[in-house]
Amino acid sequence: MNDSATRAAVVGALDGGQASMTFAEAITLFPPAHYNTKPTNVPYSFWHLLEHIRITARDILDYVDSTEYRELAWPGDYWPASDAVTDEAGWNATIEAIYKTQADLRALANNPKRDLSGLARHASGNESHTLLRQILVVVDHNAYHTGEFAILRQVMDFWPETHES
């Protein structure tokens, strides 16, 4: 596979929707009254789940590209506090930040000056932590939690009447 085809495949994976629901589809028309609802037997709210997606993707982007990267502590730094809540402005800020990080990752993947097989800036000698691998970790992580978000919506009956199950 040539370089441009590889880059296109990586961007396609970041955009999602090829084998699963897209992030945009999963969050569309989410009822604001339930941003902070914790589904039955789940220790986090719908907003907590989106914040986890945001924090994790941003951490990986910073690991790959930032000169000022600071390693986060697992798992505490990757989730908001269990009692944290949000409003519509916070919900929208989380979503916009997710989209911004995705755009930044797409730009990295499309940048011909960046070697996809090259090490992430902070790989510290770990030869498997290439730019390509780290982007694919974000793809995998986002797909997993987007599916979780959609299933929890289904379980809690938070889809609009017009949604096809």
N, C-alpha and C. Protein backbone atom coordinates (compact mmCIF):
# COMPACT_ATOMS: atom_id res chain seq x y z
N MET A 1 0.86 -1.17 0.00
CA MET A 1 0.00 0.00 0.00
C MET A 1 0.90 1.23 0.00
N ASN A 2 0.59 2.19 -0.85
CA ASN A 2 1.42 3.38 -0.90
C ASN A 2 1.08 4.34 0.25
N ASP A 3 1.92 5.33 0.42
CA ASP A 3 1.79 6.25 1.56
C ASP A 3 0.45 6.98 1.57
N SER A 4 0.01 7.48 0.42
CA SER A 4 -1.24 8.24 0.40
C SER A 4 -2.43 7.32 0.68
N ALA A 5 -2.38 6.09 0.22
CA ALA A 5 -3.46 5.14 0.51
C ALA A 5 -3.49 4.79 1.99
N THR A 6 -2.31 4.65 2.59
CA THR A 6 -2.24 4.37 4.03
C THR A 6 -2.82 5.53 4.82
N ARG A 7 -2.42 6.72 4.46
CA ARG A 7 -2.94 7.91 5.14
C ARG A 7 -4.45 8.02 4.99
N ALA A 8 -4.96 7.75 3.80
CA ALA A 8 -6.41 7.80 3.57
C ALA A 8 -7.13 6.76 4.42
N ALA A 9 -6.54 5.58 4.55
CA ALA A 9 -7.15 4.53 5.37
C ALA A 9 -7.16 4.94 6.84
N VAL A 10 -6.09 5.56 7.31
CA VAL A 10 -6.02 6.01 8.70
C VAL A 10 -7.07 7.10 8.96
N VAL A 11 -7.17 8.05 8.06
CA VAL A 11 -8.17 9.12 8.21
C VAL A 11 -9.58 8.53 8.17
N GLY A 12 -9.80 7.58 7.28
CA GLY A 12 -11.10 6.93 7.22
C GLY A 12 -11.44 6.22 8.53
N ALA A 13 -10.46 5.60 9.13
CA ALA A 13 -10.68 4.93 10.42
C ALA A 13 -10.98 5.97 11.50
N LEU A 14 -10.27 7.09 11.49
CA LEU A 14 -10.54 8.15 12.46
C LEU A 14 -11.96 8.69 12.32
N ASP A 15 -12.42 8.84 11.09
CA ASP A 15 -13.75 9.38 10.86
C ASP A 15 -14.84 8.40 11.26
N GLY A 16 -14.53 7.12 11.25
CA GLY A 16 -15.47 6.10 11.70
C GLY A 16 -16.61 5.89 10.72
N GLY A 17 -17.55 5.06 11.16
CA GLY A 17 -18.74 4.81 10.38
C GLY A 17 -18.61 3.71 9.34
N GLN A 18 -17.41 3.17 9.17
CA GLN A 18 -17.23 2.13 8.17
C GLN A 18 -17.75 0.78 8.67
N ALA A 19 -17.60 0.54 9.95
CA ALA A 19 -18.06 -0.73 10.51
C ALA A 19 -18.86 -0.52 11.79
N SER A 20 -19.10 0.74 12.13
CA SER A 20 -19.81 1.02 13.37
C SER A 20 -20.46 2.40 13.28
N MET A 21 -21.28 2.69 14.27
CA MET A 21 -21.93 3.98 14.35
C MET A 21 -20.89 5.07 14.55
N THR A 22 -21.08 6.21 13.91
CA THR A 22 -20.15 7.31 14.12
C THR A 22 -20.45 7.99 15.45
N PHE A 23 -19.46 8.73 15.93
CA PHE A 23 -19.63 9.51 17.15
C PHE A 23 -20.80 10.48 17.00
N ALA A 24 -20.86 11.17 15.86
CA ALA A 24 -21.93 12.14 15.63
C ALA A 24 -23.30 11.48 15.70
N GLU A 25 -23.43 10.29 15.14
CA GLU A 25 -24.70 9.56 15.20
C GLU A 25 -25.04 9.17 16.64
N ALA A 26 -24.05 8.77 17.39
CA ALA A 26 -24.29 8.31 18.76
C ALA A 26 -24.77 9.43 19.67
N ILE A 27 -24.30 10.65 19.43
CA ILE A 27 -24.66 11.75 20.34
C ILE A 27 -25.83 12.59 19.85
N THR A 28 -26.27 12.37 18.62
CA THR A 28 -27.30 13.23 18.05
C THR A 28 -28.58 13.22 18.88
N LEU A 29 -29.12 14.39 19.09
CA LEU A 29 -30.38 14.59 19.81
C LEU A 29 -30.40 13.93 21.20
N PHE A 30 -29.22 13.93 21.84
CA PHE A 30 -29.19 13.37 23.19
C PHE A 30 -29.98 14.30 24.11
N PRO A 31 -30.85 13.74 24.96
CA PRO A 31 -31.69 14.58 25.82
C PRO A 31 -30.89 15.30 26.91
N PRO A 32 -30.89 16.63 26.89
CA PRO A 32 -30.11 17.40 27.87
C PRO A 32 -30.42 17.05 29.33
N ALA A 33 -31.62 16.63 29.61
CA ALA A 33 -31.99 16.28 30.98
C ALA A 33 -31.20 15.08 31.49
N HIS A 34 -30.52 14.37 30.59
CA HIS A 34 -29.81 13.15 30.99
C HIS A 34 -28.30 13.23 30.80
N TYR A 35 -27.75 14.41 30.60
CA TYR A 35 -26.29 14.55 30.51
C TYR A 35 -25.60 13.91 31.71
N ASN A 36 -26.18 14.10 32.88
CA ASN A 36 -25.55 13.65 34.12
C ASN A 36 -26.16 12.37 34.68
N THR A 37 -27.01 11.73 33.92
CA THR A 37 -27.63 10.47 34.35
C THR A 37 -26.60 9.35 34.31
N LYS A 38 -26.58 8.57 35.38
CA LYS A 38 -25.74 7.37 35.42
C LYS A 38 -26.66 6.17 35.17
N PRO A 39 -26.45 5.46 34.07
CA PRO A 39 -27.29 4.29 33.80
C PRO A 39 -27.19 3.27 34.94
N THR A 40 -28.19 2.46 35.06
CA THR A 40 -28.25 1.43 36.08
C THR A 40 -26.98 0.59 36.06
N ASN A 41 -26.39 0.41 37.24
CA ASN A 41 -25.18 -0.39 37.44
C ASN A 41 -23.95 0.14 36.71
N VAL A 42 -23.95 1.42 36.36
CA VAL A 42 -22.80 2.06 35.70
C VAL A 42 -22.34 3.19 36.60
N PRO A 43 -21.05 3.24 36.95
CA PRO A 43 -20.57 4.24 37.91
C PRO A 43 -20.32 5.63 37.32
N TYR A 44 -20.61 5.83 36.03
CA TYR A 44 -20.37 7.12 35.40
C TYR A 44 -21.57 7.53 34.56
N SER A 45 -21.66 8.84 34.34
CA SER A 45 -22.76 9.40 33.57
C SER A 45 -22.42 9.40 32.08
N PHE A 46 -23.41 9.76 31.27
CA PHE A 46 -23.18 9.90 29.84
C PHE A 46 -22.12 10.96 29.56
N TRP A 47 -22.18 12.08 30.29
CA TRP A 47 -21.16 13.11 30.10
C TRP A 47 -19.79 12.62 30.55
N HIS A 48 -19.74 11.87 31.66
CA HIS A 48 -18.45 11.32 32.10
C HIS A 48 -17.82 10.48 30.99
N LEU A 49 -18.65 9.70 30.30
CA LEU A 49 -18.14 8.85 29.23
C LEU A 49 -17.57 9.69 28.09
N LEU A 50 -18.26 10.77 27.73
CA LEU A 50 -17.73 11.65 26.69
C LEU A 50 -16.45 12.34 27.15
N GLU A 51 -16.41 12.74 28.40
CA GLU A 51 -15.19 13.36 28.94
C GLU A 51 -14.02 12.36 28.91
N HIS A 52 -14.30 11.11 29.20
CA HIS A 52 -13.25 10.08 29.14
C HIS A 52 -12.71 9.95 27.71
N ILE A 53 -13.61 9.95 26.73
CA ILE A 53 -13.19 9.92 25.33
C ILE A 53 -12.31 11.14 25.04
N ARG A 54 -12.75 12.31 25.46
CA ARG A 54 -12.03 13.55 25.21
C ARG A 54 -10.64 13.53 25.85
N ILE A 55 -10.59 13.20 27.13
CA ILE A 55 -9.33 13.21 27.87
C ILE A 55 -8.33 12.21 27.27
N THR A 56 -8.80 11.02 26.98
CA THR A 56 -7.91 9.98 26.47
C THR A 56 -7.35 10.33 25.10
N ALA A 57 -8.21 10.77 24.20
CA ALA A 57 -7.74 11.13 22.85
C ALA A 57 -6.76 12.29 22.91
N ARG A 58 -7.06 13.28 23.76
CA ARG A 58 -6.16 14.44 23.89
C ARG A 58 -4.82 14.01 24.47
N ASP A 59 -4.86 13.11 25.45
CA ASP A 59 -3.61 12.62 26.04
C ASP A 59 -2.75 11.94 24.99
N ILE A 60 -3.36 11.13 24.15
CA ILE A 60 -2.59 10.42 23.13
C ILE A 60 -2.06 11.41 22.09
N LEU A 61 -2.87 12.38 21.69
CA LEU A 61 -2.38 13.40 20.76
C LEU A 61 -1.19 14.14 21.37
N ASP A 62 -1.29 14.53 22.62
CA ASP A 62 -0.17 15.22 23.27
C ASP A 62 1.06 14.32 23.37
N TYR A 63 0.86 13.05 23.66
CA TYR A 63 1.96 12.08 23.74
C TYR A 63 2.69 11.99 22.40
N VAL A 64 1.93 12.03 21.33
CA VAL A 64 2.48 11.92 19.99
C VAL A 64 3.18 13.20 19.55
N ASP A 65 2.62 14.36 19.94
CA ASP A 65 3.03 15.58 19.26
C ASP A 65 3.44 16.76 20.13
N SER A 66 3.07 16.80 21.38
CA SER A 66 3.31 18.00 22.19
C SER A 66 4.71 18.01 22.80
N THR A 67 5.32 19.16 22.79
CA THR A 67 6.61 19.30 23.47
C THR A 67 6.43 19.41 24.98
N GLU A 68 5.20 19.67 25.41
CA GLU A 68 4.92 19.86 26.84
C GLU A 68 4.08 18.72 27.43
N TYR A 69 4.23 17.53 26.89
CA TYR A 69 3.44 16.39 27.37
C TYR A 69 3.73 16.07 28.83
N ARG A 70 2.65 15.80 29.57
CA ARG A 70 2.75 15.36 30.95
C ARG A 70 1.93 14.09 31.07
N GLU A 71 2.58 13.01 31.49
CA GLU A 71 1.90 11.72 31.61
C GLU A 71 0.78 11.80 32.65
N LEU A 72 -0.38 11.27 32.30
CA LEU A 72 -1.51 11.23 33.22
C LEU A 72 -1.46 9.95 34.05
N ALA A 73 -2.05 10.00 35.22
CA ALA A 73 -2.12 8.82 36.09
C ALA A 73 -3.39 8.03 35.75
N TRP A 74 -3.20 6.72 35.58
CA TRP A 74 -4.33 5.84 35.28
C TRP A 74 -4.88 5.28 36.58
N PRO A 75 -6.18 5.21 36.74
CA PRO A 75 -7.24 5.67 35.85
C PRO A 75 -7.77 7.07 36.19
N GLY A 76 -7.38 7.59 37.35
CA GLY A 76 -7.99 8.81 37.87
C GLY A 76 -7.95 10.01 36.96
N ASP A 77 -6.84 10.23 36.27
CA ASP A 77 -6.74 11.41 35.42
C ASP A 77 -7.49 11.28 34.10
N TYR A 78 -7.97 10.08 33.81
CA TYR A 78 -8.65 9.86 32.54
C TYR A 78 -10.17 9.94 32.64
N TRP A 79 -10.68 10.23 33.82
CA TRP A 79 -12.11 10.35 34.05
C TRP A 79 -12.37 11.59 34.91
N PRO A 80 -13.51 12.25 34.71
CA PRO A 80 -13.87 13.33 35.64
C PRO A 80 -14.20 12.74 37.00
N ALA A 81 -14.22 13.58 38.02
CA ALA A 81 -14.61 13.11 39.36
C ALA A 81 -15.99 12.49 39.29
N SER A 82 -16.23 11.46 40.08
CA SER A 82 -17.50 10.74 40.01
C SER A 82 -18.70 11.62 40.31
N ASP A 83 -18.49 12.69 41.08
CA ASP A 83 -19.61 13.58 41.39
C ASP A 83 -19.66 14.82 40.49
N ALA A 84 -18.78 14.89 39.49
CA ALA A 84 -18.78 16.03 38.57
C ALA A 84 -20.02 15.99 37.68
N VAL A 85 -20.57 17.16 37.45
CA VAL A 85 -21.75 17.29 36.58
C VAL A 85 -21.49 18.40 35.57
N THR A 86 -22.32 18.44 34.57
CA THR A 86 -22.18 19.46 33.54
C THR A 86 -23.53 20.04 33.18
N ASP A 87 -23.48 21.09 32.40
CA ASP A 87 -24.68 21.71 31.84
C ASP A 87 -24.53 21.68 30.32
N GLU A 88 -25.43 22.34 29.62
CA GLU A 88 -25.38 22.30 28.16
C GLU A 88 -24.07 22.89 27.62
N ALA A 89 -23.59 23.96 28.23
CA ALA A 89 -22.33 24.56 27.77
C ALA A 89 -21.17 23.60 27.96
N GLY A 90 -21.12 22.91 29.09
CA GLY A 90 -20.06 21.94 29.33
C GLY A 90 -20.15 20.74 28.40
N TRP A 91 -21.37 20.26 28.17
CA TRP A 91 -21.60 19.15 27.24
C TRP A 91 -21.07 19.53 25.85
N ASN A 92 -21.48 20.72 25.39
CA ASN A 92 -21.06 21.18 24.07
C ASN A 92 -19.55 21.40 24.00
N ALA A 93 -18.95 21.89 25.07
CA ALA A 93 -17.50 22.09 25.10
C ALA A 93 -16.76 20.76 24.99
N THR A 94 -17.26 19.74 25.67
CA THR A 94 -16.67 18.41 25.59
C THR A 94 -16.72 17.89 24.17
N ILE A 95 -17.87 18.00 23.55
CA ILE A 95 -18.05 17.50 22.18
C ILE A 95 -17.16 18.27 21.21
N GLU A 96 -17.11 19.59 21.34
CA GLU A 96 -16.25 20.39 20.46
C GLU A 96 -14.77 20.02 20.64
N ALA A 97 -14.36 19.76 21.87
CA ALA A 97 -12.98 19.37 22.12
C ALA A 97 -12.67 18.00 21.50
N ILE A 98 -13.63 17.09 21.53
CA ILE A 98 -13.44 15.79 20.88
C ILE A 98 -13.25 15.99 19.38
N TYR A 99 -14.11 16.80 18.78
CA TYR A 99 -14.00 17.07 17.35
C TYR A 99 -12.67 17.76 17.01
N LYS A 100 -12.22 18.65 17.85
CA LYS A 100 -10.95 19.36 17.63
C LYS A 100 -9.78 18.37 17.65
N THR A 101 -9.77 17.50 18.64
CA THR A 101 -8.69 16.50 18.72
C THR A 101 -8.72 15.58 17.50
N GLN A 102 -9.91 15.18 17.09
CA GLN A 102 -10.03 14.34 15.89
C GLN A 102 -9.46 15.07 14.67
N ALA A 103 -9.77 16.36 14.55
CA ALA A 103 -9.26 17.14 13.42
C ALA A 103 -7.73 17.22 13.48
N ASP A 104 -7.19 17.41 14.67
CA ASP A 104 -5.74 17.46 14.83
C ASP A 104 -5.09 16.13 14.47
N LEU A 105 -5.72 15.03 14.85
CA LEU A 105 -5.19 13.70 14.50
C LEU A 105 -5.28 13.46 12.99
N ARG A 106 -6.39 13.90 12.37
CA ARG A 106 -6.50 13.78 10.92
C ARG A 106 -5.39 14.57 10.22
N ALA A 107 -5.12 15.77 10.73
CA ALA A 107 -4.06 16.60 10.14
C ALA A 107 -2.71 15.91 10.26
N LEU A 108 -2.44 15.31 11.40
CA LEU A 108 -1.18 14.57 11.57
C LEU A 108 -1.10 13.41 10.58
N ALA A 109 -2.19 12.66 10.48
CA ALA A 109 -2.20 11.50 9.60
C ALA A 109 -2.03 11.90 8.14
N ASN A 110 -2.52 13.07 7.77
CA ASN A 110 -2.44 13.55 6.39
C ASN A 110 -1.16 14.30 6.07
N ASN A 111 -0.35 14.58 7.08
CA ASN A 111 0.85 15.39 6.88
C ASN A 111 1.97 14.53 6.29
N PRO A 112 2.33 14.76 5.03
CA PRO A 112 3.38 13.93 4.41
C PRO A 112 4.76 14.13 5.04
N LYS A 113 4.92 15.17 5.84
CA LYS A 113 6.19 15.38 6.53
C LYS A 113 6.30 14.54 7.79
N ARG A 114 5.20 13.93 8.20
CA ARG A 114 5.20 13.05 9.38
C ARG A 114 5.22 11.60 8.93
N ASP A 115 6.18 10.86 9.41
CA ASP A 115 6.32 9.45 9.09
C ASP A 115 5.39 8.65 10.00
N LEU A 116 4.38 8.00 9.41
CA LEU A 116 3.43 7.22 10.22
C LEU A 116 4.12 6.10 10.99
N SER A 117 5.24 5.63 10.47
CA SER A 117 5.95 4.55 11.17
C SER A 117 7.00 5.10 12.15
N GLY A 118 7.10 6.42 12.23
CA GLY A 118 8.04 7.04 13.15
C GLY A 118 7.51 7.02 14.57
N LEU A 119 8.43 7.08 15.51
CA LEU A 119 8.04 7.03 16.92
C LEU A 119 7.30 8.29 17.36
N ALA A 120 6.38 8.11 18.27
CA ALA A 120 5.71 9.23 18.92
C ALA A 120 6.77 10.04 19.65
N ARG A 121 6.53 11.33 19.80
CA ARG A 121 7.51 12.23 20.42
C ARG A 121 7.97 11.73 21.78
N HIS A 122 7.07 11.14 22.57
CA HIS A 122 7.39 10.73 23.94
C HIS A 122 7.42 9.22 24.12
N ALA A 123 7.79 8.50 23.07
CA ALA A 123 7.80 7.04 23.13
C ALA A 123 8.85 6.49 24.07
N SER A 124 9.84 7.27 24.43
CA SER A 124 10.88 6.88 25.40
C SER A 124 11.47 5.50 25.11
N GLY A 125 11.81 5.28 23.87
CA GLY A 125 12.46 4.03 23.52
C GLY A 125 11.52 2.87 23.27
N ASN A 126 10.23 3.06 23.44
CA ASN A 126 9.28 1.99 23.16
C ASN A 126 9.04 1.96 21.66
N GLU A 127 9.67 1.04 20.99
CA GLU A 127 9.67 0.99 19.52
C GLU A 127 8.29 0.75 18.91
N SER A 128 7.34 0.27 19.69
CA SER A 128 6.01 0.01 19.12
C SER A 128 5.12 1.26 19.13
N HIS A 129 5.53 2.31 19.82
CA HIS A 129 4.69 3.50 19.94
C HIS A 129 4.92 4.46 18.77
N THR A 130 4.51 4.01 17.60
CA THR A 130 4.62 4.83 16.39
C THR A 130 3.41 5.76 16.30
N LEU A 131 3.52 6.75 15.43
CA LEU A 131 2.40 7.64 15.17
C LEU A 131 1.19 6.83 14.71
N LEU A 132 1.40 5.90 13.80
CA LEU A 132 0.30 5.07 13.31
C LEU A 132 -0.35 4.29 14.44
N ARG A 133 0.43 3.65 15.27
CA ARG A 133 -0.13 2.86 16.37
C ARG A 133 -0.95 3.74 17.31
N GLN A 134 -0.43 4.90 17.65
CA GLN A 134 -1.13 5.76 18.60
C GLN A 134 -2.45 6.28 18.02
N ILE A 135 -2.45 6.61 16.73
CA ILE A 135 -3.71 7.02 16.11
C ILE A 135 -4.70 5.86 16.12
N LEU A 136 -4.23 4.66 15.83
CA LEU A 136 -5.13 3.50 15.84
C LEU A 136 -5.63 3.17 17.25
N VAL A 137 -4.85 3.47 18.27
CA VAL A 137 -5.33 3.31 19.64
C VAL A 137 -6.52 4.26 19.88
N VAL A 138 -6.40 5.50 19.39
CA VAL A 138 -7.52 6.44 19.53
C VAL A 138 -8.74 5.93 18.76
N VAL A 139 -8.53 5.45 17.55
CA VAL A 139 -9.63 4.91 16.74
C VAL A 139 -10.34 3.80 17.51
N ASP A 140 -9.57 2.86 18.03
CA ASP A 140 -10.13 1.72 18.75
C ASP A 140 -10.86 2.17 20.02
N HIS A 141 -10.23 3.03 20.78
CA HIS A 141 -10.80 3.51 22.04
C HIS A 141 -12.10 4.28 21.78
N ASN A 142 -12.09 5.15 20.80
CA ASN A 142 -13.29 5.93 20.49
C ASN A 142 -14.42 5.03 19.99
N ALA A 143 -14.10 4.06 19.15
CA ALA A 143 -15.14 3.16 18.65
C ALA A 143 -15.77 2.35 19.78
N TYR A 144 -14.92 1.87 20.67
CA TYR A 144 -15.41 1.09 21.82
C TYR A 144 -16.39 1.92 22.66
N HIS A 145 -15.97 3.12 23.04
CA HIS A 145 -16.80 3.92 23.92
C HIS A 145 -17.98 4.58 23.20
N THR A 146 -17.87 4.83 21.91
CA THR A 146 -19.02 5.31 21.15
C THR A 146 -20.09 4.22 21.11
N GLY A 147 -19.68 2.99 20.90
CA GLY A 147 -20.63 1.88 20.94
C GLY A 147 -21.25 1.73 22.31
N GLU A 148 -20.44 1.86 23.33
CA GLU A 148 -20.96 1.79 24.70
C GLU A 148 -21.98 2.88 24.94
N PHE A 149 -21.68 4.09 24.52
CA PHE A 149 -22.59 5.22 24.68
C PHE A 149 -23.93 4.91 24.00
N ALA A 150 -23.87 4.41 22.76
CA ALA A 150 -25.09 4.10 22.00
C ALA A 150 -25.90 2.99 22.67
N ILE A 151 -25.23 1.97 23.15
CA ILE A 151 -25.94 0.87 23.82
C ILE A 151 -26.58 1.35 25.12
N LEU A 152 -25.85 2.17 25.88
CA LEU A 152 -26.44 2.70 27.11
C LEU A 152 -27.65 3.58 26.81
N ARG A 153 -27.60 4.33 25.73
CA ARG A 153 -28.78 5.11 25.31
C ARG A 153 -29.96 4.17 25.05
N GLN A 154 -29.68 3.06 24.38
CA GLN A 154 -30.74 2.10 24.06
C GLN A 154 -31.31 1.50 25.35
N VAL A 155 -30.44 1.09 26.24
CA VAL A 155 -30.87 0.49 27.50
C VAL A 155 -31.72 1.46 28.31
N MET A 156 -31.34 2.74 28.30
CA MET A 156 -32.05 3.75 29.08
C MET A 156 -33.21 4.37 28.30
N ASP A 157 -33.42 3.94 27.07
CA ASP A 157 -34.49 4.46 26.21
C ASP A 157 -34.36 5.97 26.00
N PHE A 158 -33.12 6.40 25.67
CA PHE A 158 -32.83 7.81 25.45
C PHE A 158 -32.69 8.18 23.98
N TRP A 159 -33.16 7.31 23.09
CA TRP A 159 -33.15 7.65 21.67
C TRP A 159 -34.46 8.34 21.32
N PRO A 160 -34.43 9.26 20.35
CA PRO A 160 -35.68 9.88 19.92
C PRO A 160 -36.60 8.84 19.28
N GLU A 161 -37.86 9.14 19.26
CA GLU A 161 -38.87 8.21 18.69
C GLU A 161 -38.52 7.79 17.27
N THR A 162 -37.87 8.66 16.49
CA THR A 162 -37.59 8.39 15.09
C THR A 162 -36.35 7.54 14.87
N HIS A 163 -35.60 7.24 15.96
CA HIS A 163 -34.37 6.47 15.82
C HIS A 163 -34.66 5.03 15.44
N GLU A 164 -33.88 4.52 14.47
CA GLU A 164 -34.02 3.11 14.08
C GLU A 164 -33.11 2.27 14.93
N SER A 165 -33.62 1.31 15.63
CA SER A 165 -32.82 0.43 16.50
C SER A 165 -32.10 -0.61 15.71
